[in-house]
Amino acid sequence: MKLWQKVAGVTALIVLALTAIYNSQNTVSTVTPQVTLQSASRLTSSQKQRELRTQFFDNCRQINANSSVNVRQSPSNNSPVTERLANGSHILMEDRSSHGWVLIYQPVRGYLFAKNLIHCGVARPPSNCRSVNSMLGANIRERPSLNSPVLRILDYGNATNIANRGSKGWVKVNAPINGYVAASSLGYCSSKDI
């Protein structure tokens, strides 16, 4: 993910969070979002930030329709329309899909038809994306051997792309550079890794 995409994503999250906080303090009927930090006292600052970002990404959706969409009082096409949201608008959902409908709490409370929603600018990781899951990091080596020179060191959490499934405990990678990484130090990427 390019730096400008990360900055745009973080900026969007901050705006959504501030909007949610402002609206919840300035409305008569407030809605408590389902975003909480698990065991917050035991987490470091960076862990708290990553978990909060993950939870917002999990609940954030963007309207992807040919025109504006209707927000309804209940999950039914026969339910009264309470608001219309423009294509491209960002929403925060409280509930997963139920019979094709999701309950949203931001920017308004109501129900949207799920087929009109996509994830908020969060690209799904490609199938060849892997993340370093070793706290010691991972060495990209010239050849698939511990005796081969180290070309680059990837820190814990860094993403790389595999070129193939690998063999004998080694995986060929082609990003950020070409080389080989011990397969045991890699796991599958999630949307927060890219």
N, C-alpha and C. Protein backbone atom coordinates (compact mmCIF):
# COMPACT_ATOMS: atom_id res chain seq x y z
N MET A 1 0.86 -1.16 0.00
CA MET A 1 0.00 0.00 0.00
C MET A 1 0.91 1.23 0.00
N LYS A 2 0.62 2.18 -0.84
CA LYS A 2 1.41 3.39 -0.95
C LYS A 2 1.14 4.31 0.24
N LEU A 3 2.10 5.18 0.54
CA LEU A 3 2.00 6.08 1.69
C LEU A 3 0.75 6.94 1.60
N TRP A 4 0.45 7.48 0.41
CA TRP A 4 -0.72 8.36 0.30
C TRP A 4 -2.00 7.59 0.57
N GLN A 5 -2.04 6.27 0.23
CA GLN A 5 -3.23 5.47 0.51
C GLN A 5 -3.39 5.24 2.01
N LYS A 6 -2.25 5.02 2.70
CA LYS A 6 -2.30 4.85 4.16
C LYS A 6 -2.78 6.14 4.83
N VAL A 7 -2.23 7.28 4.38
CA VAL A 7 -2.63 8.57 4.95
C VAL A 7 -4.11 8.83 4.70
N ALA A 8 -4.58 8.54 3.49
CA ALA A 8 -6.00 8.74 3.17
C ALA A 8 -6.88 7.83 4.02
N GLY A 9 -6.47 6.59 4.21
CA GLY A 9 -7.24 5.66 5.02
C GLY A 9 -7.32 6.09 6.47
N VAL A 10 -6.17 6.50 7.04
CA VAL A 10 -6.15 6.94 8.43
C VAL A 10 -6.96 8.21 8.59
N THR A 11 -6.86 9.14 7.63
CA THR A 11 -7.63 10.38 7.68
C THR A 11 -9.12 10.08 7.65
N ALA A 12 -9.54 9.16 6.79
CA ALA A 12 -10.96 8.79 6.72
C ALA A 12 -11.44 8.21 8.03
N LEU A 13 -10.61 7.37 8.65
CA LEU A 13 -10.99 6.79 9.94
C LEU A 13 -11.13 7.85 11.01
N ILE A 14 -10.21 8.79 11.04
CA ILE A 14 -10.28 9.85 12.04
C ILE A 14 -11.54 10.68 11.85
N VAL A 15 -11.85 11.03 10.61
CA VAL A 15 -13.05 11.81 10.33
C VAL A 15 -14.30 11.04 10.75
N LEU A 16 -14.35 9.74 10.42
CA LEU A 16 -15.50 8.92 10.83
C LEU A 16 -15.61 8.85 12.34
N ALA A 17 -14.49 8.66 13.02
CA ALA A 17 -14.52 8.56 14.48
C ALA A 17 -14.97 9.87 15.11
N LEU A 18 -14.43 10.98 14.63
CA LEU A 18 -14.82 12.28 15.18
C LEU A 18 -16.29 12.58 14.89
N THR A 19 -16.74 12.22 13.70
CA THR A 19 -18.15 12.43 13.36
C THR A 19 -19.04 11.60 14.27
N ALA A 20 -18.64 10.35 14.51
CA ALA A 20 -19.42 9.47 15.39
C ALA A 20 -19.48 10.04 16.80
N ILE A 21 -18.34 10.52 17.29
CA ILE A 21 -18.30 11.08 18.65
C ILE A 21 -19.14 12.35 18.72
N TYR A 22 -18.98 13.25 17.74
CA TYR A 22 -19.73 14.50 17.73
C TYR A 22 -21.23 14.23 17.67
N ASN A 23 -21.65 13.36 16.74
CA ASN A 23 -23.08 13.08 16.59
C ASN A 23 -23.65 12.39 17.81
N SER A 24 -22.88 11.51 18.45
CA SER A 24 -23.42 10.82 19.61
C SER A 24 -23.57 11.76 20.79
N GLN A 25 -22.82 12.84 20.84
CA GLN A 25 -22.93 13.81 21.92
C GLN A 25 -23.97 14.88 21.64
N ASN A 26 -24.39 15.01 20.40
CA ASN A 26 -25.29 16.08 20.03
C ASN A 26 -26.63 15.60 19.48
N THR A 27 -27.03 14.41 19.80
CA THR A 27 -28.33 13.92 19.39
C THR A 27 -29.10 13.46 20.62
N VAL A 28 -30.40 13.47 20.50
CA VAL A 28 -31.24 13.07 21.61
C VAL A 28 -31.15 11.56 21.82
N SER A 29 -31.28 10.79 20.75
CA SER A 29 -31.18 9.34 20.90
C SER A 29 -29.82 8.90 20.38
N THR A 30 -28.92 8.63 21.26
CA THR A 30 -27.58 8.24 20.85
C THR A 30 -27.52 6.74 20.64
N VAL A 31 -26.61 6.33 19.80
CA VAL A 31 -26.40 4.93 19.51
C VAL A 31 -24.99 4.59 19.95
N THR A 32 -24.83 3.53 20.70
CA THR A 32 -23.50 3.11 21.12
C THR A 32 -22.93 2.19 20.07
N PRO A 33 -21.84 2.59 19.43
CA PRO A 33 -21.25 1.74 18.41
C PRO A 33 -20.66 0.48 19.03
N GLN A 34 -20.56 -0.57 18.20
CA GLN A 34 -20.03 -1.85 18.65
C GLN A 34 -18.51 -1.88 18.53
N VAL A 35 -17.84 -0.77 18.75
CA VAL A 35 -16.39 -0.72 18.65
C VAL A 35 -15.84 -0.54 20.05
N THR A 36 -15.23 -1.58 20.56
CA THR A 36 -14.63 -1.53 21.89
C THR A 36 -13.28 -2.21 21.82
N LEU A 37 -12.41 -1.82 22.71
CA LEU A 37 -11.10 -2.44 22.77
C LEU A 37 -11.13 -3.56 23.79
N GLN A 38 -10.75 -4.75 23.38
CA GLN A 38 -10.70 -5.89 24.28
C GLN A 38 -9.49 -5.75 25.19
N SER A 39 -9.67 -5.88 26.48
CA SER A 39 -8.59 -5.84 27.47
C SER A 39 -7.64 -4.68 27.24
N ALA A 40 -8.19 -3.48 27.10
CA ALA A 40 -7.41 -2.31 26.72
C ALA A 40 -6.25 -2.03 27.67
N SER A 41 -6.39 -2.33 28.94
CA SER A 41 -5.32 -2.02 29.88
C SER A 41 -4.07 -2.86 29.64
N ARG A 42 -4.21 -4.01 28.98
CA ARG A 42 -3.06 -4.87 28.75
C ARG A 42 -2.39 -4.61 27.40
N LEU A 43 -2.95 -3.74 26.59
CA LEU A 43 -2.41 -3.50 25.26
C LEU A 43 -1.48 -2.30 25.25
N THR A 44 -0.45 -2.37 24.41
CA THR A 44 0.42 -1.22 24.22
C THR A 44 -0.32 -0.20 23.36
N SER A 45 0.22 0.99 23.27
CA SER A 45 -0.40 2.05 22.48
C SER A 45 -0.55 1.64 21.02
N SER A 46 0.48 1.05 20.44
CA SER A 46 0.40 0.65 19.03
C SER A 46 -0.59 -0.49 18.84
N GLN A 47 -0.69 -1.41 19.83
CA GLN A 47 -1.67 -2.49 19.74
C GLN A 47 -3.09 -1.94 19.82
N LYS A 48 -3.31 -0.95 20.71
CA LYS A 48 -4.64 -0.33 20.83
C LYS A 48 -5.01 0.34 19.51
N GLN A 49 -4.05 1.07 18.95
CA GLN A 49 -4.29 1.78 17.70
C GLN A 49 -4.62 0.80 16.57
N ARG A 50 -3.87 -0.30 16.50
CA ARG A 50 -4.10 -1.29 15.45
C ARG A 50 -5.45 -1.97 15.62
N GLU A 51 -5.82 -2.32 16.87
CA GLU A 51 -7.11 -2.98 17.11
C GLU A 51 -8.27 -2.04 16.80
N LEU A 52 -8.16 -0.77 17.21
CA LEU A 52 -9.22 0.19 16.92
C LEU A 52 -9.36 0.39 15.41
N ARG A 53 -8.23 0.50 14.72
CA ARG A 53 -8.26 0.66 13.26
C ARG A 53 -8.91 -0.55 12.61
N THR A 54 -8.57 -1.74 13.10
CA THR A 54 -9.16 -2.97 12.56
C THR A 54 -10.65 -3.00 12.78
N GLN A 55 -11.11 -2.62 13.99
CA GLN A 55 -12.54 -2.64 14.27
C GLN A 55 -13.28 -1.63 13.41
N PHE A 56 -12.70 -0.45 13.19
CA PHE A 56 -13.36 0.53 12.32
C PHE A 56 -13.42 0.02 10.89
N PHE A 57 -12.32 -0.58 10.41
CA PHE A 57 -12.33 -1.13 9.06
C PHE A 57 -13.36 -2.24 8.94
N ASP A 58 -13.50 -3.05 9.99
CA ASP A 58 -14.48 -4.13 9.95
C ASP A 58 -15.90 -3.59 9.86
N ASN A 59 -16.18 -2.44 10.46
CA ASN A 59 -17.53 -1.87 10.50
C ASN A 59 -17.78 -0.82 9.44
N CYS A 60 -16.76 -0.37 8.76
CA CYS A 60 -16.90 0.70 7.77
C CYS A 60 -17.25 0.13 6.41
N ARG A 61 -18.22 0.76 5.75
CA ARG A 61 -18.61 0.39 4.39
C ARG A 61 -18.82 1.67 3.58
N GLN A 62 -18.72 1.51 2.27
CA GLN A 62 -18.95 2.62 1.35
C GLN A 62 -20.10 2.24 0.44
N ILE A 63 -20.96 3.21 0.15
CA ILE A 63 -22.09 2.95 -0.73
C ILE A 63 -21.58 2.84 -2.16
N ASN A 64 -21.95 1.76 -2.81
CA ASN A 64 -21.52 1.47 -4.18
C ASN A 64 -22.77 1.14 -5.00
N ALA A 65 -23.42 2.19 -5.48
CA ALA A 65 -24.67 2.03 -6.25
C ALA A 65 -24.65 3.03 -7.39
N ASN A 66 -25.57 2.88 -8.31
CA ASN A 66 -25.66 3.80 -9.45
C ASN A 66 -26.22 5.16 -9.05
N SER A 67 -26.91 5.22 -7.92
CA SER A 67 -27.50 6.47 -7.45
C SER A 67 -27.53 6.44 -5.92
N SER A 68 -28.21 7.38 -5.32
CA SER A 68 -28.32 7.38 -3.88
C SER A 68 -29.15 6.18 -3.42
N VAL A 69 -28.97 5.81 -2.15
CA VAL A 69 -29.69 4.65 -1.61
C VAL A 69 -30.56 5.08 -0.44
N ASN A 70 -31.59 4.31 -0.19
CA ASN A 70 -32.53 4.61 0.89
C ASN A 70 -32.09 3.97 2.20
N VAL A 71 -32.14 4.76 3.28
CA VAL A 71 -31.99 4.23 4.62
C VAL A 71 -33.40 4.04 5.14
N ARG A 72 -33.71 2.85 5.65
CA ARG A 72 -35.07 2.54 6.06
C ARG A 72 -35.16 2.29 7.56
N GLN A 73 -36.37 2.47 8.12
CA GLN A 73 -36.61 2.27 9.55
C GLN A 73 -36.41 0.84 9.98
N SER A 74 -36.78 -0.10 9.13
CA SER A 74 -36.63 -1.52 9.45
C SER A 74 -36.14 -2.24 8.19
N PRO A 75 -35.66 -3.48 8.31
CA PRO A 75 -35.09 -4.19 7.16
C PRO A 75 -36.14 -4.73 6.20
N SER A 76 -36.77 -3.82 5.47
CA SER A 76 -37.80 -4.20 4.50
C SER A 76 -37.95 -3.10 3.46
N ASN A 77 -38.19 -3.50 2.22
CA ASN A 77 -38.45 -2.51 1.17
C ASN A 77 -39.75 -1.75 1.41
N ASN A 78 -40.63 -2.31 2.24
CA ASN A 78 -41.90 -1.66 2.55
C ASN A 78 -41.79 -0.70 3.72
N SER A 79 -40.64 -0.68 4.39
CA SER A 79 -40.43 0.19 5.54
C SER A 79 -40.23 1.63 5.08
N PRO A 80 -40.67 2.61 5.88
CA PRO A 80 -40.49 4.02 5.50
C PRO A 80 -39.02 4.40 5.33
N VAL A 81 -38.76 5.26 4.35
CA VAL A 81 -37.41 5.78 4.10
C VAL A 81 -37.17 6.92 5.09
N THR A 82 -36.06 6.85 5.83
CA THR A 82 -35.74 7.90 6.79
C THR A 82 -34.69 8.87 6.26
N GLU A 83 -33.91 8.41 5.29
CA GLU A 83 -32.81 9.23 4.76
C GLU A 83 -32.37 8.64 3.43
N ARG A 84 -31.77 9.48 2.58
CA ARG A 84 -31.15 9.01 1.35
C ARG A 84 -29.68 9.36 1.42
N LEU A 85 -28.82 8.39 1.12
CA LEU A 85 -27.37 8.61 1.16
C LEU A 85 -26.80 8.50 -0.25
N ALA A 86 -25.90 9.42 -0.58
CA ALA A 86 -25.32 9.49 -1.92
C ALA A 86 -24.33 8.35 -2.16
N ASN A 87 -24.22 7.96 -3.42
CA ASN A 87 -23.22 6.98 -3.81
C ASN A 87 -21.84 7.47 -3.36
N GLY A 88 -21.04 6.59 -2.80
CA GLY A 88 -19.70 6.95 -2.32
C GLY A 88 -19.66 7.35 -0.86
N SER A 89 -20.83 7.55 -0.23
CA SER A 89 -20.86 7.90 1.19
C SER A 89 -20.31 6.76 2.03
N HIS A 90 -19.68 7.12 3.15
CA HIS A 90 -19.18 6.12 4.09
C HIS A 90 -20.17 5.96 5.23
N ILE A 91 -20.36 4.72 5.65
CA ILE A 91 -21.26 4.43 6.77
C ILE A 91 -20.52 3.51 7.75
N LEU A 92 -21.00 3.49 8.97
CA LEU A 92 -20.52 2.53 9.96
C LEU A 92 -21.70 1.64 10.31
N MET A 93 -21.47 0.34 10.24
CA MET A 93 -22.57 -0.58 10.50
C MET A 93 -22.44 -1.19 11.88
N GLU A 94 -23.58 -1.46 12.46
CA GLU A 94 -23.63 -2.02 13.80
C GLU A 94 -23.78 -3.53 13.75
N ASP A 95 -24.46 -4.01 12.73
CA ASP A 95 -24.81 -5.42 12.63
C ASP A 95 -24.44 -5.95 11.26
N ARG A 96 -24.08 -7.20 11.22
CA ARG A 96 -23.84 -7.87 9.95
C ARG A 96 -25.16 -8.10 9.23
N SER A 97 -25.05 -8.53 8.01
CA SER A 97 -26.22 -8.71 7.15
C SER A 97 -27.23 -9.71 7.72
N SER A 98 -28.47 -9.31 7.67
CA SER A 98 -29.57 -10.18 8.06
C SER A 98 -30.59 -10.14 6.94
N HIS A 99 -30.72 -11.22 6.21
CA HIS A 99 -31.63 -11.31 5.07
C HIS A 99 -31.35 -10.19 4.07
N GLY A 100 -30.06 -9.88 3.88
CA GLY A 100 -29.67 -8.88 2.89
C GLY A 100 -29.62 -7.45 3.40
N TRP A 101 -29.93 -7.21 4.68
CA TRP A 101 -29.95 -5.86 5.24
C TRP A 101 -28.91 -5.72 6.34
N VAL A 102 -28.34 -4.52 6.49
CA VAL A 102 -27.43 -4.23 7.60
C VAL A 102 -27.96 -3.04 8.38
N LEU A 103 -27.77 -3.10 9.70
CA LEU A 103 -28.13 -1.98 10.57
C LEU A 103 -26.94 -1.04 10.64
N ILE A 104 -27.16 0.24 10.33
CA ILE A 104 -26.09 1.23 10.39
C ILE A 104 -26.37 2.21 11.52
N TYR A 105 -25.29 2.82 12.04
CA TYR A 105 -25.46 3.82 13.09
C TYR A 105 -24.79 5.14 12.74
N GLN A 106 -24.12 5.19 11.57
CA GLN A 106 -23.45 6.42 11.19
C GLN A 106 -23.49 6.54 9.69
N PRO A 107 -23.88 7.62 9.08
CA PRO A 107 -24.17 8.93 9.64
C PRO A 107 -25.56 9.04 10.24
N VAL A 108 -26.43 8.07 9.95
CA VAL A 108 -27.76 8.03 10.55
C VAL A 108 -28.03 6.58 10.96
N ARG A 109 -29.02 6.40 11.80
CA ARG A 109 -29.38 5.05 12.21
C ARG A 109 -30.50 4.55 11.31
N GLY A 110 -30.35 3.31 10.84
CA GLY A 110 -31.36 2.71 10.00
C GLY A 110 -30.81 1.49 9.30
N TYR A 111 -31.51 1.03 8.29
CA TYR A 111 -31.14 -0.19 7.57
C TYR A 111 -30.85 0.13 6.11
N LEU A 112 -29.78 -0.49 5.60
CA LEU A 112 -29.41 -0.39 4.19
C LEU A 112 -29.36 -1.79 3.61
N PHE A 113 -29.66 -1.87 2.32
CA PHE A 113 -29.55 -3.15 1.64
C PHE A 113 -28.06 -3.44 1.41
N ALA A 114 -27.57 -4.58 1.86
CA ALA A 114 -26.14 -4.91 1.88
C ALA A 114 -25.51 -4.96 0.49
N LYS A 115 -26.27 -5.30 -0.53
CA LYS A 115 -25.67 -5.42 -1.87
C LYS A 115 -25.16 -4.08 -2.39
N ASN A 116 -25.59 -2.97 -1.78
CA ASN A 116 -25.14 -1.64 -2.19
C ASN A 116 -23.89 -1.19 -1.45
N LEU A 117 -23.26 -2.08 -0.67
CA LEU A 117 -22.12 -1.69 0.16
C LEU A 117 -20.86 -2.47 -0.21
N ILE A 118 -19.73 -1.76 -0.12
CA ILE A 118 -18.42 -2.40 -0.27
C ILE A 118 -17.58 -1.96 0.92
N HIS A 119 -16.47 -2.66 1.16
CA HIS A 119 -15.57 -2.28 2.24
C HIS A 119 -15.02 -0.88 1.99
N CYS A 120 -14.78 -0.13 3.02
CA CYS A 120 -14.29 1.25 2.93
C CYS A 120 -12.86 1.32 2.43
N GLY A 121 -12.68 1.36 1.15
CA GLY A 121 -11.36 1.59 0.60
C GLY A 121 -10.31 0.63 1.09
N VAL A 122 -10.71 -0.47 1.67
CA VAL A 122 -9.76 -1.45 2.16
C VAL A 122 -9.66 -2.54 1.12
N ALA A 123 -8.51 -2.60 0.50
CA ALA A 123 -8.32 -3.62 -0.51
C ALA A 123 -8.20 -4.98 0.16
N ARG A 124 -8.78 -5.96 -0.44
CA ARG A 124 -8.60 -7.33 0.04
C ARG A 124 -7.19 -7.77 -0.35
N PRO A 125 -6.49 -8.42 0.56
CA PRO A 125 -5.14 -8.84 0.21
C PRO A 125 -5.15 -9.86 -0.92
N PRO A 126 -4.20 -9.74 -1.84
CA PRO A 126 -4.13 -10.74 -2.90
C PRO A 126 -3.74 -12.09 -2.31
N SER A 127 -4.05 -13.15 -3.02
CA SER A 127 -3.80 -14.49 -2.49
C SER A 127 -2.32 -14.79 -2.31
N ASN A 128 -1.45 -14.04 -2.96
CA ASN A 128 -0.02 -14.27 -2.80
C ASN A 128 0.61 -13.39 -1.73
N CYS A 129 -0.18 -12.65 -0.99
CA CYS A 129 0.32 -11.77 0.07
C CYS A 129 0.58 -12.58 1.33
N ARG A 130 1.75 -12.37 1.93
CA ARG A 130 2.10 -13.00 3.20
C ARG A 130 2.65 -11.93 4.14
N SER A 131 2.44 -12.14 5.42
CA SER A 131 2.89 -11.21 6.45
C SER A 131 3.89 -11.92 7.35
N VAL A 132 4.93 -11.21 7.77
CA VAL A 132 5.93 -11.80 8.66
C VAL A 132 5.30 -12.00 10.03
N ASN A 133 5.24 -13.25 10.49
CA ASN A 133 4.62 -13.54 11.78
C ASN A 133 5.62 -13.93 12.85
N SER A 134 6.90 -13.80 12.55
CA SER A 134 7.95 -14.08 13.52
C SER A 134 8.37 -12.78 14.19
N MET A 135 8.37 -12.77 15.52
CA MET A 135 8.77 -11.57 16.26
C MET A 135 10.21 -11.18 15.95
N LEU A 136 11.01 -12.12 15.48
CA LEU A 136 12.40 -11.85 15.14
C LEU A 136 12.54 -11.28 13.72
N GLY A 137 11.44 -11.25 12.98
CA GLY A 137 11.48 -10.78 11.61
C GLY A 137 11.79 -11.94 10.68
N ALA A 138 12.09 -11.62 9.44
CA ALA A 138 12.40 -12.65 8.44
C ALA A 138 13.49 -12.13 7.51
N ASN A 139 14.42 -13.00 7.18
CA ASN A 139 15.49 -12.65 6.26
C ASN A 139 15.11 -13.06 4.84
N ILE A 140 15.26 -12.12 3.91
CA ILE A 140 15.13 -12.48 2.49
C ILE A 140 16.54 -12.85 2.06
N ARG A 141 16.69 -14.09 1.60
CA ARG A 141 18.01 -14.61 1.23
C ARG A 141 18.13 -14.78 -0.28
N GLU A 142 19.37 -14.81 -0.72
CA GLU A 142 19.65 -14.94 -2.15
C GLU A 142 19.18 -16.30 -2.69
N ARG A 143 19.40 -17.36 -1.90
CA ARG A 143 19.01 -18.72 -2.28
C ARG A 143 18.29 -19.36 -1.10
N PRO A 144 17.57 -20.46 -1.31
CA PRO A 144 16.85 -21.11 -0.22
C PRO A 144 17.77 -21.93 0.70
N SER A 145 18.56 -21.21 1.49
CA SER A 145 19.50 -21.86 2.39
C SER A 145 19.87 -20.89 3.51
N LEU A 146 20.05 -21.42 4.73
CA LEU A 146 20.50 -20.58 5.84
C LEU A 146 21.91 -20.06 5.63
N ASN A 147 22.66 -20.71 4.76
CA ASN A 147 24.03 -20.29 4.46
C ASN A 147 24.10 -19.23 3.37
N SER A 148 22.97 -18.93 2.73
CA SER A 148 22.91 -17.96 1.65
C SER A 148 22.95 -16.54 2.23
N PRO A 149 23.55 -15.60 1.52
CA PRO A 149 23.61 -14.22 2.01
C PRO A 149 22.22 -13.60 2.21
N VAL A 150 22.08 -12.78 3.26
CA VAL A 150 20.84 -12.05 3.53
C VAL A 150 20.81 -10.81 2.65
N LEU A 151 19.75 -10.68 1.86
CA LEU A 151 19.59 -9.52 0.98
C LEU A 151 18.87 -8.37 1.67
N ARG A 152 17.93 -8.74 2.55
CA ARG A 152 17.12 -7.74 3.24
C ARG A 152 16.44 -8.40 4.44
N ILE A 153 16.15 -7.60 5.45
CA ILE A 153 15.45 -8.09 6.63
C ILE A 153 14.06 -7.45 6.67
N LEU A 154 13.04 -8.30 6.82
CA LEU A 154 11.67 -7.81 6.95
C LEU A 154 11.30 -7.85 8.43
N ASP A 155 10.75 -6.77 8.95
CA ASP A 155 10.33 -6.70 10.34
C ASP A 155 9.01 -7.44 10.53
N TYR A 156 8.72 -7.76 11.80
CA TYR A 156 7.45 -8.38 12.16
C TYR A 156 6.29 -7.54 11.61
N GLY A 157 5.33 -8.19 10.97
CA GLY A 157 4.16 -7.51 10.43
C GLY A 157 4.31 -7.01 9.01
N ASN A 158 5.56 -6.94 8.49
CA ASN A 158 5.75 -6.49 7.12
C ASN A 158 5.14 -7.49 6.15
N ALA A 159 4.64 -6.98 5.05
CA ALA A 159 4.03 -7.84 4.02
C ALA A 159 5.02 -8.10 2.90
N THR A 160 4.88 -9.24 2.26
CA THR A 160 5.67 -9.62 1.10
C THR A 160 4.77 -10.40 0.16
N ASN A 161 5.22 -10.58 -1.07
CA ASN A 161 4.46 -11.37 -2.05
C ASN A 161 5.23 -12.64 -2.37
N ILE A 162 4.55 -13.77 -2.31
CA ILE A 162 5.21 -15.02 -2.67
C ILE A 162 5.04 -15.25 -4.17
N ALA A 163 6.08 -15.83 -4.78
CA ALA A 163 6.04 -16.12 -6.21
C ALA A 163 5.46 -17.50 -6.48
N ASN A 164 5.60 -18.40 -5.50
CA ASN A 164 5.04 -19.74 -5.64
C ASN A 164 4.85 -20.35 -4.25
N ARG A 165 4.35 -21.56 -4.20
CA ARG A 165 4.07 -22.21 -2.91
C ARG A 165 5.33 -22.60 -2.17
N GLY A 166 6.45 -22.65 -2.85
CA GLY A 166 7.70 -23.00 -2.21
C GLY A 166 7.87 -24.50 -2.02
N SER A 167 9.05 -24.85 -1.49
CA SER A 167 9.32 -26.25 -1.19
C SER A 167 10.44 -26.35 -0.18
N LYS A 168 10.46 -27.45 0.55
CA LYS A 168 11.51 -27.74 1.53
C LYS A 168 11.69 -26.62 2.55
N GLY A 169 10.57 -25.98 2.94
CA GLY A 169 10.62 -24.98 3.99
C GLY A 169 10.97 -23.57 3.53
N TRP A 170 11.12 -23.37 2.24
CA TRP A 170 11.47 -22.06 1.70
C TRP A 170 10.43 -21.60 0.71
N VAL A 171 10.19 -20.28 0.66
CA VAL A 171 9.24 -19.69 -0.28
C VAL A 171 9.95 -18.61 -1.07
N LYS A 172 9.78 -18.66 -2.40
CA LYS A 172 10.34 -17.61 -3.26
C LYS A 172 9.43 -16.40 -3.15
N VAL A 173 10.02 -15.21 -2.90
CA VAL A 173 9.25 -13.97 -2.83
C VAL A 173 9.70 -13.03 -3.94
N ASN A 174 8.80 -12.13 -4.35
CA ASN A 174 9.15 -11.16 -5.39
C ASN A 174 8.85 -9.73 -4.97
N ALA A 175 8.60 -9.52 -3.68
CA ALA A 175 8.41 -8.16 -3.18
C ALA A 175 8.75 -8.16 -1.69
N PRO A 176 9.40 -7.19 -1.19
CA PRO A 176 9.86 -5.97 -1.85
C PRO A 176 11.03 -6.19 -2.80
N ILE A 177 11.73 -7.35 -2.66
CA ILE A 177 12.78 -7.72 -3.62
C ILE A 177 12.66 -9.21 -3.87
N ASN A 178 13.34 -9.70 -4.90
CA ASN A 178 13.35 -11.13 -5.20
C ASN A 178 14.29 -11.84 -4.24
N GLY A 179 13.86 -13.01 -3.79
CA GLY A 179 14.70 -13.80 -2.90
C GLY A 179 13.90 -14.94 -2.30
N TYR A 180 14.41 -15.49 -1.19
CA TYR A 180 13.78 -16.62 -0.53
C TYR A 180 13.63 -16.33 0.96
N VAL A 181 12.48 -16.77 1.52
CA VAL A 181 12.19 -16.57 2.94
C VAL A 181 11.78 -17.92 3.53
N ALA A 182 12.20 -18.16 4.77
CA ALA A 182 11.77 -19.38 5.45
C ALA A 182 10.25 -19.33 5.62
N ALA A 183 9.57 -20.37 5.14
CA ALA A 183 8.10 -20.40 5.16
C ALA A 183 7.55 -20.31 6.57
N SER A 184 8.27 -20.81 7.56
CA SER A 184 7.79 -20.80 8.94
C SER A 184 7.66 -19.40 9.53
N SER A 185 8.28 -18.41 8.89
CA SER A 185 8.21 -17.04 9.42
C SER A 185 7.11 -16.22 8.75
N LEU A 186 6.30 -16.85 7.90
CA LEU A 186 5.26 -16.13 7.18
C LEU A 186 3.87 -16.67 7.49
N GLY A 187 2.89 -15.77 7.47
CA GLY A 187 1.48 -16.15 7.60
C GLY A 187 0.70 -15.41 6.53
N TYR A 188 -0.60 -15.72 6.43
CA TYR A 188 -1.44 -15.04 5.44
C TYR A 188 -1.67 -13.59 5.84
N CYS A 189 -1.76 -12.71 4.86
CA CYS A 189 -2.04 -11.30 5.10
C CYS A 189 -3.52 -11.12 5.45
N SER A 190 -3.78 -10.08 6.21
CA SER A 190 -5.15 -9.62 6.42
C SER A 190 -5.23 -8.21 5.86
N SER A 191 -6.42 -7.63 5.80
CA SER A 191 -6.56 -6.29 5.23
C SER A 191 -5.76 -5.25 5.98
N LYS A 192 -5.48 -5.47 7.27
CA LYS A 192 -4.70 -4.50 8.03
C LYS A 192 -3.22 -4.55 7.70
N ASP A 193 -2.76 -5.62 7.02
CA ASP A 193 -1.35 -5.77 6.69
C ASP A 193 -0.97 -5.10 5.39
N ILE A 194 -1.96 -4.71 4.58
CA ILE A 194 -1.62 -4.17 3.27
C ILE A 194 -1.73 -2.67 3.25
